[in-house]
Amino acid sequence: MLPVGLGAQDDQKKEQPNLRIELTPWDLQLLLVDSIQKGLLFRKPKESQINCLIHHLKTSLSRTLYFFAPLAGRLATVKHDDNTVSFFIDCNNAGAEFVHAIADGVSIADIIESTYVPEIVYSFFPLNGIKNYEGTSKPLLAVQATELVDGIFIACTINHTTGDGSSFWHFFNSWSEISRGFDCLSRPPILQRWFLPDIVFPIRIPNLISKKVLCSKFILSPLKQRVFHFSRENITKLKAKAIVEIGTNNKISSLQALLSHLWRSAIRNNKILDPDQEVNYRLLIGVRPRLINPPMPQEYFGNAVQAGSITMKAREVLDQGLGYVAWKMNKMVAMHTEEKLLNFLESWIENPRLLTMDSMVTNALVTSSSPWFNVYGNDFGWGRPIAVRSGPGNKSDGKITLFEGV
């Protein structure tokens, strides 16, 4: 285990000054949940000494952190006299964590040919069980490179207050660019946080982190993970079916058709579910393209997602058909206008609410991540990944994680 700090670029020798990055409501609401944990499986390079490869990964990580200074910092807190507390990211170069591990006897086939994701994959991820608020003392970024018999698994755990899935893969993509020998990034991150005009800093929240939360221990979920692959052809068929059922004037997307199919399948196969019980589908909606005044750039490094929800009776989800469910999902997404997003931010500041896994997943399917993230373009210099897996963080019954296909 080695600490990794910021690396200076050859043409940028001056050290960056310490930066204080205030957190937005989208960041702060995630303090009580787990970090983001995603990892990529690669075939082992044929003509490379593993020690040289590990050294190269560590060095390129250090150089990448020069551009992503928040990930080498820590969370900091300020307690106020009115029993509130505020959080910010202190870009103090306290360092990220880098771990080199060896999984004796484990091969690529053990990972990708198993019906369920093997539990050993969870051990490939660092900082398991760490909540985001613990970033005051724990690294905001931890990387583990696990050597398999014939492969390498590179896993990242990133504190969720620093960024969302878009930010996570922005960092991963940038690291792979630097690893391949690029001196600068094709998409430099924009570290300045997006706030409502006239916001009063820092945003104060009630001191909601109770002794019960502080004493809670990480218990690995007994639930199993399974990976399903959907072909372009089958997704096209689902979309066509949904449009025929509801009418060609409705702009249902391929993703909405697929998620509606998954929701209906899960309900159909839940034999103990009361048909009259209300069920929920929760979907994370990216807001970068939805904010115009002021605009939020795609390279914004932070959290910029809003949770949307559909509630229907179980029998209605099945009886109304695929097209109706996809149309309901389409309408819900379309409702997330700039005005609605700004209203959320204003109301959250007045009445802060921290998310927990229990509050998000009760009687619901929950979808995170996105098929639009660049997962399989992460070439560190010896070829593209052959599989992606997620860690044990934020896992619950009914959690669906989306990735692009190979």
Protein backbone atom coordinates (compact mmCIF):
# COMPACT_ATOMS: atom_id res chain seq x y z
CA MET A 1 0.00 0.00 0.00
CA LEU A 2 1.52 3.30 -1.12
CA PRO A 3 0.31 6.90 -0.90
CA VAL A 4 0.22 8.69 -4.24
CA GLY A 5 0.28 12.48 -4.47
CA LEU A 6 0.14 15.03 -7.26
CA GLY A 7 2.69 14.69 -10.03
CA ALA A 8 4.08 17.82 -11.62
CA GLN A 9 3.94 18.08 -15.40
CA ASP A 10 7.23 18.75 -17.23
CA ASP A 11 5.96 22.12 -18.46
CA GLN A 12 4.09 22.89 -15.27
CA LYS A 13 6.68 22.65 -12.51
CA LYS A 14 4.97 25.03 -10.11
CA GLU A 15 2.90 23.28 -7.50
CA GLN A 16 -0.78 24.04 -7.50
CA PRO A 17 -1.93 26.13 -4.54
CA ASN A 18 -4.21 24.53 -2.00
CA LEU A 19 -7.80 24.86 -3.11
CA ARG A 20 -10.96 24.81 -1.03
CA ILE A 21 -13.83 23.33 -3.01
CA GLU A 22 -17.27 23.95 -1.54
CA LEU A 23 -19.81 21.14 -1.93
CA THR A 24 -23.20 21.47 -3.61
CA PRO A 25 -26.49 19.90 -2.45
CA TRP A 26 -25.94 17.15 -5.02
CA ASP A 27 -22.59 16.39 -3.32
CA LEU A 28 -23.69 16.80 0.30
CA GLN A 29 -26.73 14.55 0.09
CA LEU A 30 -24.40 11.57 -0.49
CA LEU A 31 -22.44 11.82 2.77
CA LEU A 32 -24.05 8.75 4.35
CA VAL A 33 -23.81 6.35 1.40
CA ASP A 34 -20.87 4.39 -0.02
CA SER A 35 -18.19 5.42 -2.48
CA ILE A 36 -18.30 4.68 -6.22
CA GLN A 37 -16.51 1.41 -6.97
CA LYS A 38 -15.86 0.29 -10.53
CA GLY A 39 -13.07 -1.81 -12.00
CA LEU A 40 -11.79 -3.09 -15.33
CA LEU A 41 -10.43 -6.51 -16.23
CA PHE A 42 -7.50 -6.67 -18.68
CA ARG A 43 -5.49 -9.47 -20.18
CA LYS A 44 -1.96 -9.52 -18.79
CA PRO A 45 0.62 -7.98 -21.13
CA LYS A 46 2.78 -10.65 -22.74
CA GLU A 47 6.03 -8.73 -22.92
CA SER A 48 6.14 -6.80 -19.68
CA GLN A 49 7.53 -7.36 -16.23
CA ILE A 50 4.70 -6.99 -13.75
CA ASN A 51 6.77 -4.85 -11.39
CA CYS A 52 7.53 -2.41 -14.21
CA LEU A 53 3.85 -2.32 -15.12
CA ILE A 54 2.78 -1.58 -11.54
CA HIS A 55 5.39 1.17 -11.28
CA HIS A 56 4.11 2.65 -14.54
CA LEU A 57 0.51 2.63 -13.29
CA LYS A 58 1.51 4.32 -10.05
CA THR A 59 3.59 6.97 -11.83
CA SER A 60 0.90 7.74 -14.41
CA LEU A 61 -1.68 7.94 -11.61
CA SER A 62 0.43 10.54 -9.84
CA ARG A 63 0.68 12.60 -13.03
CA THR A 64 -3.08 12.33 -13.60
CA LEU A 65 -3.80 13.58 -10.09
CA TYR A 66 -2.11 16.85 -11.04
CA PHE A 67 -5.24 17.59 -13.08
CA PHE A 68 -7.64 16.05 -10.54
CA ALA A 69 -6.36 17.70 -7.36
CA PRO A 70 -9.56 17.05 -5.31
CA LEU A 71 -8.93 13.29 -5.48
CA ALA A 72 -5.59 13.72 -3.69
CA GLY A 73 -7.19 15.79 -0.93
CA ARG A 74 -9.49 15.14 2.01
CA LEU A 75 -12.89 16.25 3.20
CA ALA A 76 -12.80 18.92 5.88
CA THR A 77 -15.54 19.99 8.27
CA VAL A 78 -16.46 23.10 10.17
CA LYS A 79 -18.82 22.84 13.15
CA HIS A 80 -21.03 25.83 13.80
CA ASP A 81 -22.62 27.14 16.99
CA ASP A 82 -26.16 26.33 15.82
CA ASN A 83 -25.43 22.55 15.81
CA THR A 84 -24.87 22.53 12.06
CA VAL A 85 -21.81 21.45 10.15
CA SER A 86 -20.36 22.25 6.74
CA PHE A 87 -18.13 20.13 4.51
CA PHE A 88 -15.66 21.08 1.82
CA ILE A 89 -12.84 19.40 -0.11
CA ASP A 90 -9.40 20.48 1.02
CA CYS A 91 -7.03 19.97 -1.92
CA ASN A 92 -4.08 19.53 0.43
CA ASN A 93 -2.28 16.76 -1.49
CA ALA A 94 -2.69 14.34 1.41
CA GLY A 95 -2.52 11.64 -1.27
CA ALA A 96 -4.49 8.85 -2.85
CA GLU A 97 -4.00 5.18 -2.00
CA PHE A 98 -2.41 2.68 -4.38
CA VAL A 99 -2.48 -1.06 -3.65
CA HIS A 100 -0.80 -3.88 -5.56
CA ALA A 101 -2.38 -7.24 -4.79
CA ILE A 102 -2.01 -10.79 -6.11
CA ALA A 103 -4.95 -13.21 -6.43
CA ASP A 104 -3.19 -16.57 -6.53
CA GLY A 105 -4.84 -19.10 -8.79
CA VAL A 106 -7.60 -16.78 -10.03
CA SER A 107 -7.93 -16.50 -13.80
CA ILE A 108 -9.92 -14.34 -16.20
CA ALA A 109 -12.23 -17.27 -16.89
CA ASP A 110 -13.09 -17.48 -13.18
CA ILE A 111 -14.41 -13.92 -13.40
CA ILE A 112 -16.22 -13.76 -16.73
CA GLU A 113 -17.51 -17.34 -17.11
CA SER A 114 -19.14 -17.61 -13.69
CA THR A 115 -22.95 -17.40 -13.62
CA TYR A 116 -22.76 -14.99 -10.70
CA VAL A 117 -19.99 -12.49 -10.00
CA PRO A 118 -17.58 -14.37 -7.69
CA GLU A 119 -17.27 -12.91 -4.20
CA ILE A 120 -13.49 -12.69 -4.62
CA VAL A 121 -14.08 -9.79 -7.02
CA TYR A 122 -15.12 -7.68 -4.02
CA SER A 123 -11.61 -8.12 -2.59
CA PHE A 124 -10.23 -6.46 -5.72
CA PHE A 125 -11.66 -3.13 -4.50
CA PRO A 126 -9.98 -0.94 -1.87
CA LEU A 127 -11.74 0.91 0.97
CA ASN A 128 -14.71 -1.45 1.16
CA GLY A 129 -17.33 -0.32 3.65
CA ILE A 130 -16.12 3.28 3.84
CA LYS A 131 -18.91 5.88 3.88
CA ASN A 132 -18.36 9.17 2.08
CA TYR A 133 -18.29 11.28 5.25
CA GLU A 134 -15.21 9.29 6.34
CA GLY A 135 -13.27 11.16 3.67
CA THR A 136 -12.14 13.48 6.45
CA SER A 137 -9.57 10.83 7.40
CA LYS A 138 -9.67 8.31 4.53
CA PRO A 139 -8.37 8.90 0.98
CA LEU A 140 -10.91 10.28 -1.48
CA LEU A 141 -9.41 7.99 -4.12
CA ALA A 142 -8.01 4.49 -3.73
CA VAL A 143 -6.75 2.30 -6.56
CA GLN A 144 -5.98 -1.40 -6.46
CA ALA A 145 -4.18 -3.31 -9.21
CA THR A 146 -4.80 -7.02 -8.66
CA GLU A 147 -2.62 -9.48 -10.53
CA LEU A 148 -4.43 -12.60 -11.78
CA VAL A 149 -2.93 -15.68 -13.41
CA ASP A 150 -3.52 -14.28 -16.89
CA GLY A 151 -4.91 -10.82 -16.27
CA ILE A 152 -4.91 -7.59 -14.28
CA PHE A 153 -7.91 -6.03 -12.57
CA ILE A 154 -7.69 -2.26 -12.02
CA ALA A 155 -10.26 -1.01 -9.52
CA CYS A 156 -11.02 2.51 -8.34
CA THR A 157 -12.91 3.58 -5.24
CA ILE A 158 -13.80 7.28 -5.38
CA ASN A 159 -15.56 9.21 -2.65
CA HIS A 160 -19.00 10.02 -4.05
CA THR A 161 -18.97 13.60 -2.75
CA THR A 162 -16.17 14.38 -5.20
CA GLY A 163 -18.14 13.36 -8.27
CA ASP A 164 -20.75 11.20 -9.99
CA GLY A 165 -20.43 8.42 -12.55
CA SER A 166 -19.62 10.88 -15.31
CA SER A 167 -16.79 12.32 -13.20
CA PHE A 168 -15.60 8.82 -12.24
CA TRP A 169 -15.13 7.72 -15.85
CA HIS A 170 -13.74 11.13 -16.81
CA PHE A 171 -10.94 10.48 -14.33
CA PHE A 172 -10.48 6.85 -15.45
CA ASN A 173 -10.36 7.91 -19.13
CA SER A 174 -7.83 10.64 -18.32
CA TRP A 175 -5.62 8.25 -16.37
CA SER A 176 -5.53 5.83 -19.31
CA GLU A 177 -4.57 8.72 -21.62
CA ILE A 178 -1.66 9.73 -19.38
CA SER A 179 -0.65 6.06 -19.08
CA ARG A 180 -0.43 5.81 -22.88
CA GLY A 181 2.03 8.72 -22.93
CA PHE A 182 -0.15 11.78 -23.47
CA ASP A 183 1.34 14.96 -21.95
CA CYS A 184 -2.02 16.71 -21.68
CA LEU A 185 -5.64 15.66 -21.44
CA SER A 186 -8.15 15.68 -24.27
CA ARG A 187 -10.80 16.79 -21.74
CA PRO A 188 -9.32 18.68 -18.77
CA PRO A 189 -11.72 18.61 -15.81
CA ILE A 190 -13.46 21.78 -14.65
CA LEU A 191 -13.06 21.76 -10.89
CA GLN A 192 -15.07 24.86 -10.03
CA ARG A 193 -18.41 23.80 -8.54
CA TRP A 194 -21.73 24.91 -10.06
CA PHE A 195 -23.94 26.87 -7.64
CA LEU A 196 -27.11 28.90 -7.70
CA PRO A 197 -26.50 32.65 -7.91
CA ASP A 198 -26.20 34.51 -4.60
CA ILE A 199 -25.55 31.33 -2.63
CA VAL A 200 -24.25 31.85 0.90
CA PHE A 201 -21.15 29.75 1.63
CA PRO A 202 -20.66 27.35 3.20
CA ILE A 203 -23.91 25.40 2.97
CA ARG A 204 -24.78 24.32 6.50
CA ILE A 205 -26.47 21.02 7.22
CA PRO A 206 -27.75 19.57 10.51
CA ASN A 207 -25.26 17.38 12.29
CA LEU A 208 -27.08 14.22 11.18
CA ILE A 209 -24.19 11.78 11.45
CA SER A 210 -25.26 10.05 14.64
CA LYS A 211 -23.32 7.76 16.94
CA LYS A 212 -25.33 4.86 15.51
CA VAL A 213 -24.06 5.68 12.01
CA LEU A 214 -20.49 6.15 13.25
CA CYS A 215 -20.54 2.75 14.95
CA SER A 216 -22.14 0.86 12.05
CA LYS A 217 -19.98 -1.87 10.54
CA PHE A 218 -19.66 -3.02 6.98
CA ILE A 219 -21.38 -6.35 6.33
CA LEU A 220 -21.03 -7.91 2.91
CA SER A 221 -24.46 -8.42 1.37
CA PRO A 222 -25.47 -12.07 0.85
CA LEU A 223 -27.15 -11.10 -2.42
CA LYS A 224 -25.59 -12.27 -5.66
CA GLN A 225 -24.66 -10.13 -8.67
CA ARG A 226 -25.29 -11.32 -12.20
CA VAL A 227 -24.25 -9.74 -15.47
CA PHE A 228 -26.66 -9.71 -18.43
CA HIS A 229 -25.62 -8.79 -21.96
CA PHE A 230 -28.18 -7.24 -24.31
CA SER A 231 -27.44 -7.17 -28.02
CA ARG A 232 -28.14 -4.13 -30.19
CA GLU A 233 -30.62 -6.25 -32.16
CA ASN A 234 -32.68 -7.23 -29.12
CA ILE A 235 -32.72 -3.68 -27.74
CA THR A 236 -33.91 -2.42 -31.14
CA LYS A 237 -36.74 -4.97 -31.02
CA LEU A 238 -37.76 -3.85 -27.51
CA LYS A 239 -37.84 -0.20 -28.59
CA ALA A 240 -39.91 -1.02 -31.69
CA LYS A 241 -42.36 -3.05 -29.58
CA ALA A 242 -42.77 -0.22 -27.07
CA ILE A 243 -43.38 2.36 -29.81
CA VAL A 244 -45.96 0.16 -31.56
CA GLU A 245 -47.84 -0.33 -28.27
CA ILE A 246 -47.97 3.32 -27.25
CA GLY A 247 -47.86 5.16 -30.59
CA THR A 248 -45.17 6.47 -32.90
CA ASN A 249 -45.56 10.07 -31.71
CA ASN A 250 -43.88 9.24 -28.38
CA LYS A 251 -40.09 9.54 -28.41
CA ILE A 252 -39.25 6.51 -26.29
CA SER A 253 -35.52 5.80 -26.13
CA SER A 254 -33.81 2.43 -26.42
CA LEU A 255 -32.70 2.71 -22.78
CA GLN A 256 -36.23 3.46 -21.55
CA ALA A 257 -37.57 0.44 -23.42
CA LEU A 258 -34.86 -1.81 -21.96
CA LEU A 259 -35.34 -0.59 -18.38
CA SER A 260 -39.10 -0.99 -18.65
CA HIS A 261 -38.56 -4.56 -19.84
CA LEU A 262 -36.30 -5.25 -16.83
CA TRP A 263 -38.83 -3.77 -14.40
CA ARG A 264 -41.70 -5.82 -15.81
CA SER A 265 -39.56 -8.97 -15.75
CA ALA A 266 -38.59 -8.43 -12.10
CA ILE A 267 -42.21 -7.94 -11.06
CA ARG A 268 -43.43 -10.91 -13.11
CA ASN A 269 -40.91 -13.19 -11.38
CA ASN A 270 -41.60 -11.92 -7.84
CA LYS A 271 -44.06 -14.60 -6.73
CA ILE A 272 -44.75 -13.11 -3.30
CA LEU A 273 -45.55 -9.58 -4.50
CA ASP A 274 -49.13 -8.39 -3.92
CA PRO A 275 -50.51 -7.30 -7.32
CA ASP A 276 -52.09 -4.24 -5.69
CA GLN A 277 -48.90 -3.17 -3.97
CA GLU A 278 -47.28 0.03 -5.18
CA VAL A 279 -43.83 -0.48 -6.68
CA ASN A 280 -41.21 2.08 -7.64
CA TYR A 281 -38.59 2.50 -10.31
CA ARG A 282 -35.86 5.03 -9.52
CA LEU A 283 -33.55 6.32 -12.21
CA LEU A 284 -30.61 8.72 -11.95
CA ILE A 285 -30.87 11.50 -14.54
CA GLY A 286 -27.82 13.43 -15.69
CA VAL A 287 -28.38 17.19 -15.48
CA ARG A 288 -25.29 18.62 -17.22
CA PRO A 289 -27.11 19.24 -20.53
CA ARG A 290 -30.23 20.47 -18.72
CA LEU A 291 -28.66 23.44 -16.94
CA ILE A 292 -28.38 26.52 -19.13
CA ASN A 293 -28.24 29.60 -16.89
CA PRO A 294 -25.45 29.41 -16.01
CA PRO A 295 -24.52 26.46 -18.24
CA MET A 296 -22.81 23.39 -16.85
CA PRO A 297 -20.06 21.99 -19.09
CA GLN A 298 -19.78 18.27 -19.78
CA GLU A 299 -16.29 18.32 -18.20
CA TYR A 300 -17.74 19.54 -14.87
CA PHE A 301 -16.09 17.48 -12.12
CA GLY A 302 -18.64 16.94 -9.38
CA ASN A 303 -22.09 15.45 -8.84
CA ALA A 304 -24.73 16.49 -11.36
CA VAL A 305 -27.48 13.89 -11.22
CA GLN A 306 -31.06 14.00 -10.04
CA ALA A 307 -33.11 10.98 -8.97
CA GLY A 308 -36.42 10.51 -10.74
CA SER A 309 -39.09 8.02 -9.69
CA ILE A 310 -42.11 6.23 -11.15
CA THR A 311 -44.74 4.68 -8.88
CA MET A 312 -47.32 2.19 -10.15
CA LYS A 313 -49.24 -0.80 -8.84
CA ALA A 314 -47.55 -4.10 -9.60
CA ARG A 315 -50.48 -5.39 -11.68
CA GLU A 316 -50.52 -2.12 -13.65
CA VAL A 317 -46.87 -2.52 -14.65
CA LEU A 318 -47.68 -5.92 -16.13
CA ASP A 319 -51.19 -5.31 -17.54
CA GLN A 320 -50.51 -1.97 -19.22
CA GLY A 321 -47.68 -3.35 -21.31
CA LEU A 322 -44.12 -2.42 -22.22
CA GLY A 323 -45.03 0.67 -24.22
CA TYR A 324 -47.08 2.26 -21.44
CA VAL A 325 -44.35 1.72 -18.83
CA ALA A 326 -41.68 3.11 -21.18
CA TRP A 327 -43.92 6.12 -21.91
CA LYS A 328 -44.33 6.77 -18.17
CA MET A 329 -40.55 6.64 -17.80
CA ASN A 330 -40.11 8.97 -20.76
CA LYS A 331 -42.53 11.51 -19.25
CA MET A 332 -40.79 11.36 -15.86
CA VAL A 333 -37.40 12.10 -17.43
CA ALA A 334 -38.82 14.95 -19.51
CA MET A 335 -40.23 16.58 -16.37
CA HIS A 336 -36.70 17.27 -15.11
CA THR A 337 -36.47 20.74 -16.58
CA GLU A 338 -34.01 23.41 -15.49
CA GLU A 339 -36.74 25.02 -13.38
CA LYS A 340 -37.42 21.77 -11.54
CA LEU A 341 -33.71 21.23 -10.88
CA LEU A 342 -33.23 24.76 -9.55
CA ASN A 343 -36.25 24.35 -7.28
CA PHE A 344 -34.70 21.17 -5.87
CA LEU A 345 -31.45 22.96 -5.07
CA GLU A 346 -33.24 25.87 -3.37
CA SER A 347 -35.48 23.63 -1.28
CA TRP A 348 -32.60 21.33 -0.31
CA ILE A 349 -30.58 24.21 1.10
CA GLU A 350 -33.59 25.24 3.20
CA ASN A 351 -34.28 21.66 4.32
CA PRO A 352 -31.21 19.40 3.84
CA ARG A 353 -31.91 15.67 3.46
CA LEU A 354 -29.13 13.08 3.40
CA LEU A 355 -29.72 9.96 1.36
CA THR A 356 -29.34 6.44 2.75
CA MET A 357 -29.54 3.14 0.92
CA ASP A 358 -32.72 2.25 2.83
CA SER A 359 -34.43 5.43 1.66
CA MET A 360 -33.48 4.81 -1.96
CA VAL A 361 -34.20 1.11 -2.42
CA THR A 362 -37.32 0.36 -0.37
CA ASN A 363 -39.72 -1.54 -2.62
CA ALA A 364 -37.94 -0.32 -5.73
CA LEU A 365 -35.65 -1.11 -8.59
CA VAL A 366 -32.85 1.46 -8.72
CA THR A 367 -30.69 2.07 -11.78
CA SER A 368 -27.29 3.76 -11.59
CA SER A 369 -24.47 4.45 -14.02
CA SER A 370 -25.04 4.90 -17.76
CA PRO A 371 -24.37 3.06 -21.03
CA TRP A 372 -22.97 6.35 -22.40
CA PHE A 373 -19.85 6.31 -20.20
CA ASN A 374 -16.61 5.42 -21.98
CA VAL A 375 -15.73 2.14 -20.27
CA TYR A 376 -14.04 0.07 -22.95
CA GLY A 377 -11.90 2.91 -24.31
CA ASN A 378 -9.62 2.75 -21.26
CA ASP A 379 -6.41 1.47 -22.83
CA PHE A 380 -3.45 1.89 -20.44
CA GLY A 381 -0.95 0.92 -23.10
CA TRP A 382 -1.39 -2.82 -23.56
CA GLY A 383 -4.94 -3.16 -24.90
CA ARG A 384 -8.54 -2.46 -24.04
CA PRO A 385 -10.41 -4.06 -21.12
CA ILE A 386 -12.46 -7.20 -21.66
CA ALA A 387 -14.93 -6.77 -18.79
CA VAL A 388 -16.16 -4.29 -16.19
CA ARG A 389 -17.36 -5.07 -12.68
CA SER A 390 -18.54 -3.01 -9.71
CA GLY A 391 -17.57 -3.34 -6.06
CA PRO A 392 -19.69 -4.06 -2.98
CA GLY A 393 -20.51 -0.41 -2.29
CA ASN A 394 -24.17 0.68 -2.47
CA LYS A 395 -25.41 -2.82 -3.22
CA SER A 396 -28.99 -3.79 -2.41
CA ASP A 397 -31.82 -5.99 -3.62
CA GLY A 398 -33.06 -4.48 -6.87
CA LYS A 399 -29.96 -2.46 -7.74
CA ILE A 400 -29.18 -2.34 -11.48
CA THR A 401 -25.89 -0.95 -12.79
CA LEU A 402 -25.66 -0.04 -16.47
CA PHE A 403 -22.52 -0.28 -18.60
CA GLU A 404 -21.86 0.05 -22.30
CA GLY A 405 -21.30 -3.19 -24.19
CA VAL A 406 -17.93 -4.35 -25.44
